[in-house]
Amino acid sequence: MVAGQDTKAQAGNGRTRGRPRSFDRDTALEKALMAFWEHGYEATSVSDLTRIMGIGAPSLYAAFGDKRSLFEEVVRVYTDTHGAFGDRALAEEPTARGAVARTLREAAAEYTDPAHPFGCLVAHAATNCTSAEVERLLRERRNAGIAALASRIRADVAAGVLPAGTDAAALARHTGAMIQGMSQQARDGASREELEALAEIAMTIWPQE
């Protein structure tokens, strides 16, 4: 082989190694999200993921790292998309009570939407999970939501919007329990209307403003 041909061959090999991935990363990530949402972390294997995402194991590892790294990215995407309604309500509603009422209504709609698996990924994905890291990730996500709501309730108490004796921590944890319970009820077949009725009952325990 002459020098020019050898140079071209090396250049060609370089292009092969630097070739863009042959799949759409965002699409593959959304498919992984749906798989984890439906089956949970433990029951979703790497072979399940490669089949559902339509990629080989080497591509999965190259693009996302290992299974746990992929799941962590899935949780971030879920929190910013399908699961963002609670954060939006806290940011946009003028009172904690209004934010919780809206969150529960929207949870009833989101958790029963037939366009995706029922319930909440963050509430469901750790079922029968043997990974302490995954359990901790999801627990921290849930506890962060409760802490944010408790802080908002305390602010309303300080502003006189809620009575001085309001137990912010208990009220926030009650809301967290309702949201997690609604998620499980949705997975068990409860309808949107049934969950909306439950949300209405849940709001009756709030102290009068």
C-alpha atoms as a PDB file:
ATOM      1  CA  MET A   1       0.000   0.000   0.000  1.00  0.00           C
ATOM      2  CA  VAL A   2       1.368   3.437  -0.905  1.00  0.00           C
ATOM      3  CA  ALA A   3       1.664   6.197   1.679  1.00  0.00           C
ATOM      4  CA  GLY A   4      -1.366   8.108   0.373  1.00  0.00           C
ATOM      5  CA  GLN A   5      -3.579   5.030   0.489  1.00  0.00           C
ATOM      6  CA  ASP A   6      -2.444   4.254   4.044  1.00  0.00           C
ATOM      7  CA  THR A   7      -3.300   7.802   5.127  1.00  0.00           C
ATOM      8  CA  LYS A   8      -6.775   7.526   3.587  1.00  0.00           C
ATOM      9  CA  ALA A   9      -7.374   4.204   5.306  1.00  0.00           C
ATOM     10  CA  GLN A  10      -6.411   5.683   8.665  1.00  0.00           C
ATOM     11  CA  ALA A  11      -8.663   8.664   8.057  1.00  0.00           C
ATOM     12  CA  GLY A  12     -11.505   6.346   7.126  1.00  0.00           C
ATOM     13  CA  ASN A  13     -10.989   4.338  10.287  1.00  0.00           C
ATOM     14  CA  GLY A  14     -11.040   7.537  12.289  1.00  0.00           C
ATOM     15  CA  ARG A  15     -14.359   8.498  10.774  1.00  0.00           C
ATOM     16  CA  THR A  16     -15.776   5.097  11.644  1.00  0.00           C
ATOM     17  CA  ARG A  17     -14.718   5.415  15.268  1.00  0.00           C
ATOM     18  CA  GLY A  18     -16.150   8.920  15.494  1.00  0.00           C
ATOM     19  CA  ARG A  19     -19.447   8.023  13.857  1.00  0.00           C
ATOM     20  CA  PRO A  20     -22.582   9.464  15.545  1.00  0.00           C
ATOM     21  CA  ARG A  21     -24.801   7.005  17.373  1.00  0.00           C
ATOM     22  CA  SER A  22     -27.287   5.262  15.090  1.00  0.00           C
ATOM     23  CA  PHE A  23     -30.248   5.875  17.414  1.00  0.00           C
ATOM     24  CA  ASP A  24     -32.110   8.862  18.811  1.00  0.00           C
ATOM     25  CA  ARG A  25     -31.017   9.227  22.431  1.00  0.00           C
ATOM     26  CA  ASP A  26     -34.121  11.080  23.638  1.00  0.00           C
ATOM     27  CA  THR A  27     -36.449   8.525  22.062  1.00  0.00           C
ATOM     28  CA  ALA A  28     -34.504   5.644  23.594  1.00  0.00           C
ATOM     29  CA  LEU A  29     -34.559   7.393  26.978  1.00  0.00           C
ATOM     30  CA  GLU A  30     -38.332   7.854  26.841  1.00  0.00           C
ATOM     31  CA  LYS A  31     -38.757   4.155  26.066  1.00  0.00           C
ATOM     32  CA  ALA A  32     -36.597   3.291  29.068  1.00  0.00           C
ATOM     33  CA  LEU A  33     -38.690   5.620  31.201  1.00  0.00           C
ATOM     34  CA  MET A  34     -41.874   3.816  30.198  1.00  0.00           C
ATOM     35  CA  ALA A  35     -40.311   0.430  30.951  1.00  0.00           C
ATOM     36  CA  PHE A  36     -39.152   1.433  34.433  1.00  0.00           C
ATOM     37  CA  TRP A  37     -42.501   3.137  35.087  1.00  0.00           C
ATOM     38  CA  GLU A  38     -44.467   0.033  34.139  1.00  0.00           C
ATOM     39  CA  HIS A  39     -42.314  -2.674  35.718  1.00  0.00           C
ATOM     40  CA  GLY A  40     -40.174  -0.968  38.362  1.00  0.00           C
ATOM     41  CA  TYR A  41     -36.403  -0.870  38.643  1.00  0.00           C
ATOM     42  CA  GLU A  42     -35.723  -4.418  39.796  1.00  0.00           C
ATOM     43  CA  ALA A  43     -38.005  -6.197  37.317  1.00  0.00           C
ATOM     44  CA  THR A  44     -36.600  -4.311  34.321  1.00  0.00           C
ATOM     45  CA  SER A  45     -33.455  -6.079  33.125  1.00  0.00           C
ATOM     46  CA  VAL A  46     -30.748  -4.802  30.813  1.00  0.00           C
ATOM     47  CA  SER A  47     -31.950  -7.245  28.156  1.00  0.00           C
ATOM     48  CA  ASP A  48     -35.481  -5.835  28.544  1.00  0.00           C
ATOM     49  CA  LEU A  49     -34.103  -2.332  28.120  1.00  0.00           C
ATOM     50  CA  THR A  50     -32.063  -3.096  25.005  1.00  0.00           C
ATOM     51  CA  ARG A  51     -35.086  -4.777  23.423  1.00  0.00           C
ATOM     52  CA  ILE A  52     -37.485  -1.964  24.313  1.00  0.00           C
ATOM     53  CA  MET A  53     -35.043   0.806  23.420  1.00  0.00           C
ATOM     54  CA  GLY A  54     -34.053  -0.911  20.171  1.00  0.00           C
ATOM     55  CA  ILE A  55     -30.311  -0.757  20.841  1.00  0.00           C
ATOM     56  CA  GLY A  56     -27.533  -3.182  21.712  1.00  0.00           C
ATOM     57  CA  ALA A  57     -25.991  -3.456  25.150  1.00  0.00           C
ATOM     58  CA  PRO A  58     -22.746  -1.737  24.044  1.00  0.00           C
ATOM     59  CA  SER A  59     -24.739   1.261  22.797  1.00  0.00           C
ATOM     60  CA  LEU A  60     -26.724   1.407  26.031  1.00  0.00           C
ATOM     61  CA  TYR A  61     -23.584   1.407  28.160  1.00  0.00           C
ATOM     62  CA  ALA A  62     -21.843   3.924  25.905  1.00  0.00           C
ATOM     63  CA  ALA A  63     -24.776   6.339  25.886  1.00  0.00           C
ATOM     64  CA  PHE A  64     -26.161   5.987  29.406  1.00  0.00           C
ATOM     65  CA  GLY A  65     -23.648   4.107  31.559  1.00  0.00           C
ATOM     66  CA  ASP A  66     -24.944   1.161  33.571  1.00  0.00           C
ATOM     67  CA  LYS A  67     -28.566   0.350  34.439  1.00  0.00           C
ATOM     68  CA  ARG A  68     -28.564   2.445  37.606  1.00  0.00           C
ATOM     69  CA  SER A  69     -27.113   5.487  35.795  1.00  0.00           C
ATOM     70  CA  LEU A  70     -29.790   5.132  33.134  1.00  0.00           C
ATOM     71  CA  PHE A  71     -32.471   4.921  35.814  1.00  0.00           C
ATOM     72  CA  GLU A  72     -31.166   8.037  37.559  1.00  0.00           C
ATOM     73  CA  GLU A  73     -31.437   9.937  34.280  1.00  0.00           C
ATOM     74  CA  VAL A  74     -34.938   8.524  33.757  1.00  0.00           C
ATOM     75  CA  VAL A  75     -35.986   9.821  37.189  1.00  0.00           C
ATOM     76  CA  ARG A  76     -34.660  13.294  36.353  1.00  0.00           C
ATOM     77  CA  VAL A  77     -36.593  13.311  33.073  1.00  0.00           C
ATOM     78  CA  TYR A  78     -39.754  12.045  34.773  1.00  0.00           C
ATOM     79  CA  THR A  79     -39.505  14.693  37.496  1.00  0.00           C
ATOM     80  CA  ASP A  80     -39.180  17.428  34.869  1.00  0.00           C
ATOM     81  CA  THR A  81     -42.027  16.141  32.661  1.00  0.00           C
ATOM     82  CA  HIS A  82     -44.739  13.705  33.745  1.00  0.00           C
ATOM     83  CA  GLY A  83     -44.126  14.311  37.438  1.00  0.00           C
ATOM     84  CA  ALA A  84     -43.675  18.086  37.360  1.00  0.00           C
ATOM     85  CA  PHE A  85     -47.267  19.037  38.195  1.00  0.00           C
ATOM     86  CA  GLY A  86     -46.652  19.276  41.949  1.00  0.00           C
ATOM     87  CA  ASP A  87     -43.693  21.617  41.606  1.00  0.00           C
ATOM     88  CA  ARG A  88     -45.651  23.758  39.135  1.00  0.00           C
ATOM     89  CA  ALA A  89     -48.575  24.028  41.528  1.00  0.00           C
ATOM     90  CA  LEU A  90     -46.308  25.117  44.379  1.00  0.00           C
ATOM     91  CA  ALA A  91     -44.660  27.713  42.154  1.00  0.00           C
ATOM     92  CA  GLU A  92     -47.841  29.103  40.613  1.00  0.00           C
ATOM     93  CA  GLU A  93     -50.578  28.927  43.275  1.00  0.00           C
ATOM     94  CA  PRO A  94     -50.766  31.782  45.800  1.00  0.00           C
ATOM     95  CA  THR A  95     -51.336  29.531  48.849  1.00  0.00           C
ATOM     96  CA  ALA A  96     -50.202  26.117  50.054  1.00  0.00           C
ATOM     97  CA  ARG A  97     -53.825  25.000  50.251  1.00  0.00           C
ATOM     98  CA  GLY A  98     -54.425  26.001  46.632  1.00  0.00           C
ATOM     99  CA  ALA A  99     -51.230  24.263  45.556  1.00  0.00           C
ATOM    100  CA  VAL A 100     -52.199  21.020  47.270  1.00  0.00           C
ATOM    101  CA  ALA A 101     -55.751  21.066  45.904  1.00  0.00           C
ATOM    102  CA  ARG A 102     -54.381  21.560  42.402  1.00  0.00           C
ATOM    103  CA  THR A 103     -51.695  18.915  42.879  1.00  0.00           C
ATOM    104  CA  LEU A 104     -54.225  16.293  43.962  1.00  0.00           C
ATOM    105  CA  ARG A 105     -56.563  17.111  41.061  1.00  0.00           C
ATOM    106  CA  GLU A 106     -53.741  16.899  38.562  1.00  0.00           C
ATOM    107  CA  ALA A 107     -52.439  13.697  40.165  1.00  0.00           C
ATOM    108  CA  ALA A 108     -55.870  12.138  39.600  1.00  0.00           C
ATOM    109  CA  ALA A 109     -55.621  13.027  35.909  1.00  0.00           C
ATOM    110  CA  GLU A 110     -51.956  12.148  35.423  1.00  0.00           C
ATOM    111  CA  TYR A 111     -52.004   8.859  37.306  1.00  0.00           C
ATOM    112  CA  THR A 112     -54.942   7.531  35.266  1.00  0.00           C
ATOM    113  CA  ASP A 113     -53.859   8.812  31.854  1.00  0.00           C
ATOM    114  CA  PRO A 114     -53.974   5.820  29.459  1.00  0.00           C
ATOM    115  CA  ALA A 115     -51.179   7.351  27.354  1.00  0.00           C
ATOM    116  CA  HIS A 116     -48.613   5.955  29.797  1.00  0.00           C
ATOM    117  CA  PRO A 117     -48.355   3.520  32.742  1.00  0.00           C
ATOM    118  CA  PHE A 118     -50.685   4.293  35.638  1.00  0.00           C
ATOM    119  CA  GLY A 119     -49.532   5.800  38.905  1.00  0.00           C
ATOM    120  CA  CYS A 120     -46.252   7.529  39.737  1.00  0.00           C
ATOM    121  CA  LEU A 121     -42.835   6.240  38.692  1.00  0.00           C
ATOM    122  CA  VAL A 122     -41.149   7.632  41.830  1.00  0.00           C
ATOM    123  CA  ALA A 123     -43.702   5.912  44.071  1.00  0.00           C
ATOM    124  CA  HIS A 124     -43.683   2.607  42.220  1.00  0.00           C
ATOM    125  CA  ALA A 125     -40.209   1.979  40.835  1.00  0.00           C
ATOM    126  CA  ALA A 126     -38.613   0.838  44.109  1.00  0.00           C
ATOM    127  CA  THR A 127     -41.095  -2.015  44.652  1.00  0.00           C
ATOM    128  CA  ASN A 128     -39.149  -5.169  45.595  1.00  0.00           C
ATOM    129  CA  CYS A 129     -35.925  -3.283  44.855  1.00  0.00           C
ATOM    130  CA  THR A 130     -32.664  -4.720  46.187  1.00  0.00           C
ATOM    131  CA  SER A 131     -30.552  -1.664  45.290  1.00  0.00           C
ATOM    132  CA  ALA A 132     -29.974   0.553  48.331  1.00  0.00           C
ATOM    133  CA  GLU A 133     -28.821   3.379  46.035  1.00  0.00           C
ATOM    134  CA  VAL A 134     -32.045   3.319  44.002  1.00  0.00           C
ATOM    135  CA  GLU A 135     -34.194   3.136  47.126  1.00  0.00           C
ATOM    136  CA  ARG A 136     -32.318   6.123  48.567  1.00  0.00           C
ATOM    137  CA  LEU A 137     -32.682   8.121  45.334  1.00  0.00           C
ATOM    138  CA  LEU A 138     -36.458   7.662  45.244  1.00  0.00           C
ATOM    139  CA  ARG A 139     -36.886   8.198  48.993  1.00  0.00           C
ATOM    140  CA  GLU A 140     -34.949  11.458  48.769  1.00  0.00           C
ATOM    141  CA  ARG A 141     -37.131  12.603  45.878  1.00  0.00           C
ATOM    142  CA  ARG A 142     -40.307  11.894  47.835  1.00  0.00           C
ATOM    143  CA  ASN A 143     -38.999  13.497  51.030  1.00  0.00           C
ATOM    144  CA  ALA A 144     -37.842  16.587  49.130  1.00  0.00           C
ATOM    145  CA  GLY A 145     -41.387  17.137  47.891  1.00  0.00           C
ATOM    146  CA  ILE A 146     -42.787  16.846  51.423  1.00  0.00           C
ATOM    147  CA  ALA A 147     -40.127  19.218  52.771  1.00  0.00           C
ATOM    148  CA  ALA A 148     -40.890  21.815  50.082  1.00  0.00           C
ATOM    149  CA  LEU A 149     -44.585  21.690  50.913  1.00  0.00           C
ATOM    150  CA  ALA A 150     -43.941  21.936  54.666  1.00  0.00           C
ATOM    151  CA  SER A 151     -41.825  25.028  54.056  1.00  0.00           C
ATOM    152  CA  ARG A 152     -44.626  26.604  52.026  1.00  0.00           C
ATOM    153  CA  ILE A 153     -47.190  25.807  54.738  1.00  0.00           C
ATOM    154  CA  ARG A 154     -44.963  27.382  57.401  1.00  0.00           C
ATOM    155  CA  ALA A 155     -44.682  30.491  55.236  1.00  0.00           C
ATOM    156  CA  ASP A 156     -48.485  30.702  55.045  1.00  0.00           C
ATOM    157  CA  VAL A 157     -48.707  30.311  58.828  1.00  0.00           C
ATOM    158  CA  ALA A 158     -46.189  33.120  59.299  1.00  0.00           C
ATOM    159  CA  ALA A 159     -48.161  35.305  56.910  1.00  0.00           C
ATOM    160  CA  GLY A 160     -51.432  34.638  58.733  1.00  0.00           C
ATOM    161  CA  VAL A 161     -52.910  32.750  55.798  1.00  0.00           C
ATOM    162  CA  LEU A 162     -53.184  29.598  57.939  1.00  0.00           C
ATOM    163  CA  PRO A 163     -53.881  29.445  61.709  1.00  0.00           C
ATOM    164  CA  ALA A 164     -50.918  29.757  64.053  1.00  0.00           C
ATOM    165  CA  GLY A 165     -51.388  26.251  65.452  1.00  0.00           C
ATOM    166  CA  THR A 166     -51.154  24.514  62.061  1.00  0.00           C
ATOM    167  CA  ASP A 167     -48.811  21.505  62.134  1.00  0.00           C
ATOM    168  CA  ALA A 168     -46.950  22.103  58.871  1.00  0.00           C
ATOM    169  CA  ALA A 169     -44.929  18.889  58.989  1.00  0.00           C
ATOM    170  CA  ALA A 170     -47.967  16.668  59.620  1.00  0.00           C
ATOM    171  CA  LEU A 171     -50.068  18.423  56.989  1.00  0.00           C
ATOM    172  CA  ALA A 172     -47.298  18.075  54.392  1.00  0.00           C
ATOM    173  CA  ARG A 173     -46.790  14.407  55.222  1.00  0.00           C
ATOM    174  CA  HIS A 174     -50.542  13.809  54.963  1.00  0.00           C
ATOM    175  CA  THR A 175     -50.418  15.230  51.441  1.00  0.00           C
ATOM    176  CA  GLY A 176     -47.451  13.007  50.569  1.00  0.00           C
ATOM    177  CA  ALA A 177     -49.346   9.966  51.836  1.00  0.00           C
ATOM    178  CA  MET A 178     -52.383  10.930  49.763  1.00  0.00           C
ATOM    179  CA  ILE A 179     -50.321  11.327  46.595  1.00  0.00           C
ATOM    180  CA  GLN A 180     -48.558   7.991  47.091  1.00  0.00           C
ATOM    181  CA  GLY A 181     -51.854   6.312  47.917  1.00  0.00           C
ATOM    182  CA  MET A 182     -53.511   7.755  44.823  1.00  0.00           C
ATOM    183  CA  SER A 183     -50.650   6.368  42.753  1.00  0.00           C
ATOM    184  CA  GLN A 184     -51.241   2.858  44.081  1.00  0.00           C
ATOM    185  CA  GLN A 185     -55.008   3.192  43.729  1.00  0.00           C
ATOM    186  CA  ALA A 186     -54.536   4.175  40.075  1.00  0.00           C
ATOM    187  CA  ARG A 187     -52.383   1.095  39.481  1.00  0.00           C
ATOM    188  CA  ASP A 188     -55.117  -0.972  41.128  1.00  0.00           C
ATOM    189  CA  GLY A 189     -57.699   0.348  38.668  1.00  0.00           C
ATOM    190  CA  ALA A 190     -59.221   3.432  40.301  1.00  0.00           C
ATOM    191  CA  SER A 191     -60.651   5.889  37.789  1.00  0.00           C
ATOM    192  CA  ARG A 192     -59.862   9.573  37.476  1.00  0.00           C
ATOM    193  CA  GLU A 193     -63.294  10.422  38.884  1.00  0.00           C
ATOM    194  CA  GLU A 194     -62.737   8.183  41.909  1.00  0.00           C
ATOM    195  CA  LEU A 195     -59.375   9.770  42.616  1.00  0.00           C
ATOM    196  CA  GLU A 196     -60.807  13.271  42.188  1.00  0.00           C
ATOM    197  CA  ALA A 197     -63.448  12.419  44.798  1.00  0.00           C
ATOM    198  CA  LEU A 198     -60.679  11.215  47.100  1.00  0.00           C
ATOM    199  CA  ALA A 199     -58.811  14.483  46.551  1.00  0.00           C
ATOM    200  CA  GLU A 200     -61.887  16.462  47.567  1.00  0.00           C
ATOM    201  CA  ILE A 201     -62.176  14.488  50.802  1.00  0.00           C
ATOM    202  CA  ALA A 202     -58.467  14.950  51.508  1.00  0.00           C
ATOM    203  CA  MET A 203     -58.822  18.730  51.398  1.00  0.00           C
ATOM    204  CA  THR A 204     -61.507  18.774  54.101  1.00  0.00           C
ATOM    205  CA  ILE A 205     -58.908  18.199  56.824  1.00  0.00           C
ATOM    206  CA  TRP A 206     -57.115  21.468  56.048  1.00  0.00           C
ATOM    207  CA  PRO A 207     -57.611  24.238  58.626  1.00  0.00           C
ATOM    208  CA  GLN A 208     -59.723  27.136  57.500  1.00  0.00           C
ATOM    209  CA  GLU A 209     -57.786  30.134  56.240  1.00  0.00           C
END
